[in-house]
Amino acid sequence: MIITIGVIAYNEKKALGSLLRDICAQTYNHKKIEILLVDSNSTDNTKKIMETFRDNNREDFYDVKVLSNPQRTQPCGWNVVLKNYSGDAVVRIDAHASIPSNFIEKNIETLQDEDICGGFRPNIIDETTAWKETLLLVETSMFGSSIAPYRRQQGRTYVNSLFHGAYKREVFDKVGLFNEELVRTEDNEIHYRMQKAGFKLCFNPEIISYQHTRNSLKKMIKQKYGNGKWIGLTLSVSPKCLSYYHFVPFLFVMSLLGCIGIALLGYPLLLEILLLLYSMFDFVNTVSCFTMRDIQPQFLMLPILFPIMHIAYGVGTIVGICQIPFWKRKLKKDKKK
């Protein structure tokens, strides 16, 4: 089976070299691996790194191509891959990720019996510092991230969502391309369409890849806010592709705002109950995190970091919902151009 690896990158000069080395270390026959590297108009030397890799490794693989994604967004980048790949199957790999040497081999084994597959996606950090360990705990904790199967699932099963998924060609032949209107929820939407078309998403715990955690609190807050915003916007496009857990931060923030409003009217009891319940979950999950790593002084920030992430995500969802009419109007204007 010929498999295509698709990598979309924007200003990833620091991470891309490591991922390309991981690809070169794959145990699967390199002559059956096609590599499509898509640059999203990077302003650093990301494209140069891609072109150097292509020139040095083209003979070792089935093929290596460097393509351009002028629209810059992830769904547009993946559609560039889908319009140009030659393999019997295609696998998505994030540019800011790491893969073990058997990653492709395990995907190929699973695709012998399945149309779509994926596996675990633990978070890792670029370097071990106390602060980055703390941010990593926020991401790896169920309280700080989510219950998505690629983070938690233990056994082989069928799921609703995958990260770094691998897909046989007939899947996209049937469901079509990614929805380019959705910048961050394009995978949720297309996985929903795949399931409606009769395909199953197989989670195999033997398939493992790693995602690098954001290196700073500012970047992590920006990421959470952006994720929440696109959950809100996606409600107007494909609400059924979203799960209830996507809206937990939104409900928390709305409840908090409502309770604050009632407290200002002279009835603080609901606010006190809400803060007490949240503090209990916050404390329990913080203690749980202390058992996951060697204790660092920065871990004392966890009870503050958790609500910051939840509020950032929830506020993002509120903003996204409020922006729906303006966003839809902009999309109509863009289509007329």
Protein backbone atom coordinates (compact mmCIF):
# COMPACT_ATOMS: atom_id res chain seq x y z
CA MET A 1 0.00 0.00 0.00
CA ILE A 2 1.28 3.43 -0.97
CA ILE A 3 0.63 5.93 1.83
CA THR A 4 0.86 9.70 1.62
CA ILE A 5 2.05 11.77 4.58
CA GLY A 6 0.59 15.27 4.55
CA VAL A 7 2.22 18.01 6.63
CA ILE A 8 0.88 21.58 6.70
CA ALA A 9 3.18 24.21 8.21
CA TYR A 10 3.22 27.92 8.91
CA ASN A 11 6.39 29.35 10.50
CA GLU A 12 7.45 25.98 11.95
CA LYS A 13 11.21 26.22 11.39
CA LYS A 14 11.92 25.19 15.00
CA ALA A 15 9.75 22.05 14.96
CA LEU A 16 9.75 20.93 11.33
CA GLY A 17 13.29 19.54 11.25
CA SER A 18 12.55 17.15 14.10
CA LEU A 19 9.38 15.87 12.44
CA LEU A 20 11.17 15.33 9.13
CA ARG A 21 13.81 13.27 10.93
CA ASP A 22 11.00 11.21 12.46
CA ILE A 23 9.60 10.59 8.98
CA CYS A 24 13.00 9.45 7.73
CA ALA A 25 13.19 7.01 10.64
CA GLN A 26 9.96 5.21 9.70
CA THR A 27 10.25 1.42 9.51
CA TYR A 28 7.68 1.15 6.71
CA ASN A 29 9.19 0.78 3.23
CA HIS A 30 10.19 4.31 2.19
CA LYS A 31 9.50 3.49 -1.45
CA LYS A 32 5.85 3.20 -0.48
CA ILE A 33 5.74 6.56 1.31
CA GLU A 34 4.81 9.76 -0.51
CA ILE A 35 5.47 13.01 1.38
CA LEU A 36 3.54 16.20 0.64
CA LEU A 37 4.88 19.24 2.49
CA VAL A 38 2.54 22.23 2.28
CA ASP A 39 3.80 25.69 3.19
CA SER A 40 1.14 28.21 4.25
CA ASN A 41 2.99 31.36 3.16
CA SER A 42 5.49 31.18 6.03
CA THR A 43 7.53 34.29 6.78
CA ASP A 44 10.48 32.33 8.19
CA ASN A 45 12.54 29.68 6.36
CA THR A 46 9.96 26.89 6.74
CA LYS A 47 9.59 26.53 2.97
CA LYS A 48 13.38 26.44 2.54
CA ILE A 49 13.59 23.59 5.04
CA MET A 50 10.92 21.73 3.06
CA GLU A 51 12.69 22.28 -0.24
CA THR A 52 16.04 21.17 1.18
CA PHE A 53 14.42 18.01 2.55
CA ARG A 54 12.80 17.33 -0.83
CA ASP A 55 16.05 17.79 -2.73
CA ASN A 56 18.00 15.55 -0.33
CA ASN A 57 15.43 12.77 0.13
CA ARG A 58 13.37 12.54 -3.05
CA GLU A 59 15.18 9.40 -4.23
CA ASP A 60 14.65 7.64 -0.89
CA PHE A 61 10.84 7.85 -0.95
CA TYR A 62 8.06 7.16 -3.43
CA ASP A 63 7.94 10.92 -3.93
CA VAL A 64 8.47 14.18 -2.04
CA LYS A 65 6.66 17.35 -3.06
CA VAL A 66 6.58 20.89 -1.69
CA LEU A 67 3.26 22.65 -2.29
CA SER A 68 1.81 26.05 -1.42
CA ASN A 69 -1.27 26.99 0.57
CA PRO A 70 -1.92 30.68 -0.16
CA GLN A 71 -5.08 30.75 2.00
CA ARG A 72 -2.92 29.72 4.99
CA THR A 73 -5.66 27.95 6.98
CA GLN A 74 -5.52 24.28 7.96
CA PRO A 75 -8.56 23.06 5.96
CA CYS A 76 -7.27 24.83 2.84
CA GLY A 77 -3.88 23.21 3.40
CA TRP A 78 -5.36 19.73 3.73
CA ASN A 79 -7.38 20.26 0.59
CA VAL A 80 -4.12 21.04 -1.22
CA VAL A 81 -2.92 17.61 -0.04
CA LEU A 82 -6.13 15.87 -1.11
CA LYS A 83 -5.98 17.41 -4.58
CA ASN A 84 -2.38 16.30 -5.12
CA TYR A 85 -1.73 13.01 -3.32
CA SER A 86 -1.07 9.75 -5.16
CA GLY A 87 -1.26 7.20 -2.35
CA ASP A 88 -3.82 4.53 -1.59
CA ALA A 89 -4.22 6.22 1.79
CA VAL A 90 -3.29 9.53 3.36
CA VAL A 91 -2.29 10.38 6.93
CA ARG A 92 -2.45 13.82 8.56
CA ILE A 93 0.51 14.80 10.72
CA ASP A 94 0.69 18.14 12.51
CA ALA A 95 3.90 20.09 11.87
CA HIS A 96 4.32 20.62 15.61
CA ALA A 97 4.30 16.90 16.36
CA SER A 98 6.56 13.88 16.81
CA ILE A 99 5.99 10.32 15.61
CA PRO A 100 7.71 7.08 16.65
CA SER A 101 9.48 4.97 14.02
CA ASN A 102 6.58 2.48 13.74
CA PHE A 103 3.85 5.12 13.33
CA ILE A 104 3.23 4.54 9.60
CA GLU A 105 3.67 0.79 9.93
CA LYS A 106 1.00 0.60 12.67
CA ASN A 107 -1.38 2.70 10.60
CA ILE A 108 -0.86 0.45 7.57
CA GLU A 109 -1.53 -2.65 9.67
CA THR A 110 -4.78 -1.15 10.95
CA LEU A 111 -5.88 -0.01 7.48
CA GLN A 112 -5.81 -3.62 6.30
CA ASP A 113 -9.14 -4.07 8.08
CA GLU A 114 -10.35 -0.48 8.48
CA ASP A 115 -11.04 2.55 6.29
CA ILE A 116 -10.03 5.15 8.88
CA CYS A 117 -7.77 4.84 11.90
CA GLY A 118 -5.84 6.77 14.51
CA GLY A 119 -4.51 6.40 18.01
CA PHE A 120 -3.13 8.02 21.15
CA ARG A 121 -1.90 11.60 21.00
CA PRO A 122 -0.11 12.42 24.28
CA ASN A 123 1.23 15.93 24.83
CA ILE A 124 4.96 16.51 25.26
CA ILE A 125 7.21 19.53 25.87
CA ASP A 126 10.20 20.75 23.88
CA GLU A 127 12.44 21.03 26.93
CA THR A 128 12.09 20.07 30.57
CA THR A 129 11.60 23.13 32.76
CA ALA A 130 9.38 23.48 35.82
CA TRP A 131 7.09 25.98 34.10
CA LYS A 132 6.70 23.92 30.92
CA GLU A 133 6.02 20.85 33.06
CA THR A 134 3.24 22.85 34.71
CA LEU A 135 1.69 23.84 31.36
CA LEU A 136 1.98 20.22 30.25
CA LEU A 137 0.00 19.13 33.31
CA VAL A 138 -2.75 21.58 32.39
CA GLU A 139 -2.97 19.97 28.92
CA THR A 140 -2.75 16.35 30.07
CA SER A 141 -5.22 16.65 32.92
CA MET A 142 -8.79 15.73 32.02
CA PHE A 143 -9.90 18.83 33.94
CA GLY A 144 -7.64 21.04 31.86
CA SER A 145 -8.14 19.51 28.42
CA SER A 146 -10.98 17.14 27.50
CA ILE A 147 -12.24 13.58 27.39
CA ALA A 148 -11.43 13.17 23.69
CA PRO A 149 -10.69 9.49 22.96
CA TYR A 150 -7.24 10.16 21.48
CA ARG A 151 -6.26 11.46 24.94
CA ARG A 152 -7.92 8.85 27.17
CA GLN A 153 -9.15 5.71 25.39
CA GLN A 154 -7.48 2.47 26.50
CA GLY A 155 -8.67 -0.25 24.12
CA ARG A 156 -9.30 -0.63 20.41
CA THR A 157 -12.73 0.74 19.57
CA TYR A 158 -14.71 3.04 17.27
CA VAL A 159 -14.86 6.74 18.11
CA ASN A 160 -16.26 10.03 16.82
CA SER A 161 -12.98 11.91 16.46
CA LEU A 162 -9.32 11.17 15.75
CA PHE A 163 -6.06 13.10 15.75
CA HIS A 164 -3.38 12.39 13.11
CA GLY A 165 -5.90 10.17 11.34
CA ALA A 166 -5.12 7.88 8.40
CA TYR A 167 -7.73 7.50 5.64
CA LYS A 168 -8.08 5.21 2.64
CA ARG A 169 -8.55 7.01 -0.67
CA GLU A 170 -12.15 5.87 -1.05
CA VAL A 171 -13.11 7.83 2.09
CA PHE A 172 -12.39 11.25 0.59
CA ASP A 173 -13.60 10.09 -2.81
CA LYS A 174 -17.00 9.63 -1.17
CA VAL A 175 -17.24 12.52 1.35
CA GLY A 176 -15.30 15.17 -0.55
CA LEU A 177 -12.90 17.82 0.74
CA PHE A 178 -12.58 19.67 4.04
CA ASN A 179 -14.95 22.57 4.71
CA GLU A 180 -12.71 25.59 4.18
CA GLU A 181 -15.04 27.86 6.15
CA LEU A 182 -14.02 26.14 9.40
CA VAL A 183 -10.53 27.08 10.54
CA ARG A 184 -10.20 24.92 13.68
CA THR A 185 -13.13 22.52 13.69
CA GLU A 186 -12.66 21.16 10.18
CA ASP A 187 -11.71 17.73 11.55
CA ASN A 188 -14.86 17.48 13.69
CA GLU A 189 -17.02 18.39 10.70
CA ILE A 190 -15.43 16.01 8.21
CA HIS A 191 -15.38 13.13 10.72
CA TYR A 192 -19.12 13.71 11.18
CA ARG A 193 -19.62 13.55 7.41
CA MET A 194 -17.53 10.37 7.22
CA GLN A 195 -19.71 8.68 9.82
CA LYS A 196 -22.88 9.82 8.03
CA ALA A 197 -21.45 8.24 4.86
CA GLY A 198 -21.15 4.90 6.68
CA PHE A 199 -17.47 4.90 7.61
CA LYS A 200 -16.19 4.00 11.09
CA LEU A 201 -13.29 5.73 12.85
CA CYS A 202 -11.11 3.05 14.42
CA PHE A 203 -9.08 3.99 17.49
CA ASN A 204 -6.06 1.69 17.88
CA PRO A 205 -3.99 2.30 21.05
CA GLU A 206 -0.96 0.78 19.33
CA ILE A 207 -0.81 3.87 17.09
CA ILE A 208 0.92 6.68 18.99
CA SER A 209 1.95 10.21 18.01
CA TYR A 210 2.90 13.20 20.12
CA GLN A 211 1.77 16.83 20.12
CA HIS A 212 4.03 19.57 21.48
CA THR A 213 2.37 21.65 24.20
CA ARG A 214 2.37 25.44 23.78
CA ASN A 215 5.55 26.89 25.28
CA SER A 216 4.01 29.88 27.05
CA LEU A 217 0.90 30.77 29.01
CA LYS A 218 0.06 33.50 26.48
CA LYS A 219 0.13 31.03 23.57
CA MET A 220 -1.93 28.51 25.51
CA ILE A 221 -4.59 31.10 26.40
CA LYS A 222 -4.70 32.23 22.77
CA GLN A 223 -5.11 28.63 21.64
CA LYS A 224 -7.95 27.92 24.10
CA TYR A 225 -9.74 31.15 23.20
CA GLY A 226 -9.43 30.39 19.47
CA ASN A 227 -10.65 26.82 19.93
CA GLY A 228 -13.66 28.05 21.88
CA LYS A 229 -14.42 30.74 19.31
CA TRP A 230 -14.55 28.22 16.47
CA ILE A 231 -16.81 25.94 18.50
CA GLY A 232 -19.22 28.86 18.67
CA LEU A 233 -18.98 29.64 14.96
CA THR A 234 -19.37 25.98 13.99
CA LEU A 235 -22.82 25.94 15.60
CA SER A 236 -24.08 27.80 12.53
CA VAL A 237 -22.54 25.33 10.08
CA SER A 238 -22.63 21.82 11.54
CA PRO A 239 -23.83 21.71 15.17
CA LYS A 240 -24.19 17.91 15.14
CA CYS A 241 -20.44 17.47 14.64
CA LEU A 242 -19.83 18.91 18.12
CA SER A 243 -20.01 17.04 21.42
CA TYR A 244 -21.44 18.20 24.73
CA TYR A 245 -17.99 18.49 26.30
CA HIS A 246 -17.11 21.26 23.83
CA PHE A 247 -19.64 23.47 25.64
CA VAL A 248 -18.70 22.80 29.27
CA PRO A 249 -16.45 25.92 29.51
CA PHE A 250 -19.20 27.97 27.83
CA LEU A 251 -21.78 26.80 30.38
CA PHE A 252 -19.35 27.50 33.23
CA VAL A 253 -18.70 31.08 32.09
CA MET A 254 -22.40 31.73 31.45
CA SER A 255 -23.26 30.33 34.89
CA LEU A 256 -20.54 32.45 36.46
CA LEU A 257 -21.80 35.61 34.77
CA GLY A 258 -25.40 34.82 35.74
CA CYS A 259 -24.50 34.14 39.36
CA ILE A 260 -22.43 37.32 39.55
CA GLY A 261 -25.40 39.29 38.21
CA ILE A 262 -27.72 37.75 40.81
CA ALA A 263 -25.15 38.40 43.56
CA LEU A 264 -25.03 42.07 42.59
CA LEU A 265 -28.77 42.18 43.18
CA GLY A 266 -28.18 41.06 46.74
CA TYR A 267 -28.44 37.27 46.41
CA PRO A 268 -24.90 35.84 46.60
CA LEU A 269 -25.83 32.24 47.54
CA LEU A 270 -25.78 30.83 43.98
CA LEU A 271 -22.40 32.41 43.28
CA GLU A 272 -21.01 30.99 46.52
CA ILE A 273 -22.30 27.51 45.65
CA LEU A 274 -20.87 27.68 42.11
CA LEU A 275 -17.45 28.84 43.32
CA LEU A 276 -17.44 26.20 46.06
CA LEU A 277 -18.24 23.38 43.62
CA TYR A 278 -15.67 24.60 41.10
CA SER A 279 -13.04 24.99 43.83
CA MET A 280 -13.65 21.39 44.91
CA PHE A 281 -13.06 20.10 41.36
CA ASP A 282 -10.09 22.44 41.01
CA PHE A 283 -8.52 21.18 44.24
CA VAL A 284 -9.11 17.49 43.52
CA ASN A 285 -7.65 17.72 40.03
CA THR A 286 -4.68 19.76 41.24
CA VAL A 287 -3.88 17.09 43.83
CA SER A 288 -4.24 14.45 41.10
CA CYS A 289 -1.75 16.36 38.92
CA PHE A 290 0.76 16.39 41.78
CA THR A 291 0.86 12.59 41.57
CA MET A 292 1.63 12.63 37.82
CA ARG A 293 5.05 14.33 37.98
CA ASP A 294 7.84 15.11 40.40
CA ILE A 295 6.48 18.03 42.39
CA GLN A 296 7.70 21.47 41.34
CA PRO A 297 6.97 24.82 43.09
CA GLN A 298 5.26 26.07 39.91
CA PHE A 299 2.61 23.35 40.31
CA LEU A 300 1.04 25.62 42.95
CA MET A 301 -0.14 27.72 39.98
CA LEU A 302 -2.42 24.91 38.76
CA PRO A 303 -5.51 26.03 40.74
CA ILE A 304 -5.19 29.39 38.94
CA LEU A 305 -4.27 28.03 35.51
CA PHE A 306 -7.26 25.71 35.26
CA PRO A 307 -9.90 28.47 35.57
CA ILE A 308 -7.88 30.73 33.24
CA MET A 309 -8.05 28.06 30.51
CA HIS A 310 -11.73 27.34 31.12
CA ILE A 311 -12.67 31.02 31.07
CA ALA A 312 -10.58 31.66 27.93
CA TYR A 313 -12.30 28.78 26.12
CA GLY A 314 -15.76 29.73 27.39
CA VAL A 315 -15.36 33.41 26.50
CA GLY A 316 -14.13 32.33 23.06
CA THR A 317 -17.33 30.32 22.54
CA ILE A 318 -19.48 33.28 23.60
CA VAL A 319 -17.60 35.55 21.19
CA GLY A 320 -17.93 32.98 18.41
CA ILE A 321 -21.71 32.70 18.88
CA CYS A 322 -22.05 36.50 18.91
CA GLN A 323 -19.98 36.77 15.73
CA ILE A 324 -22.05 34.25 13.72
CA PRO A 325 -24.18 36.80 11.80
CA PHE A 326 -21.15 38.96 10.93
CA TRP A 327 -19.09 35.89 9.97
CA LYS A 328 -21.86 34.51 7.73
CA ARG A 329 -22.20 37.90 6.07
CA LYS A 330 -18.46 38.01 5.41
CA LEU A 331 -18.55 34.50 3.90
CA LYS A 332 -21.31 35.55 1.51
CA LYS A 333 -19.30 38.57 0.42
CA ASP A 334 -16.18 36.44 -0.12
CA LYS A 335 -18.14 33.99 -2.26
CA LYS A 336 -19.39 36.79 -4.50
CA LYS A 337 -15.85 38.02 -5.22
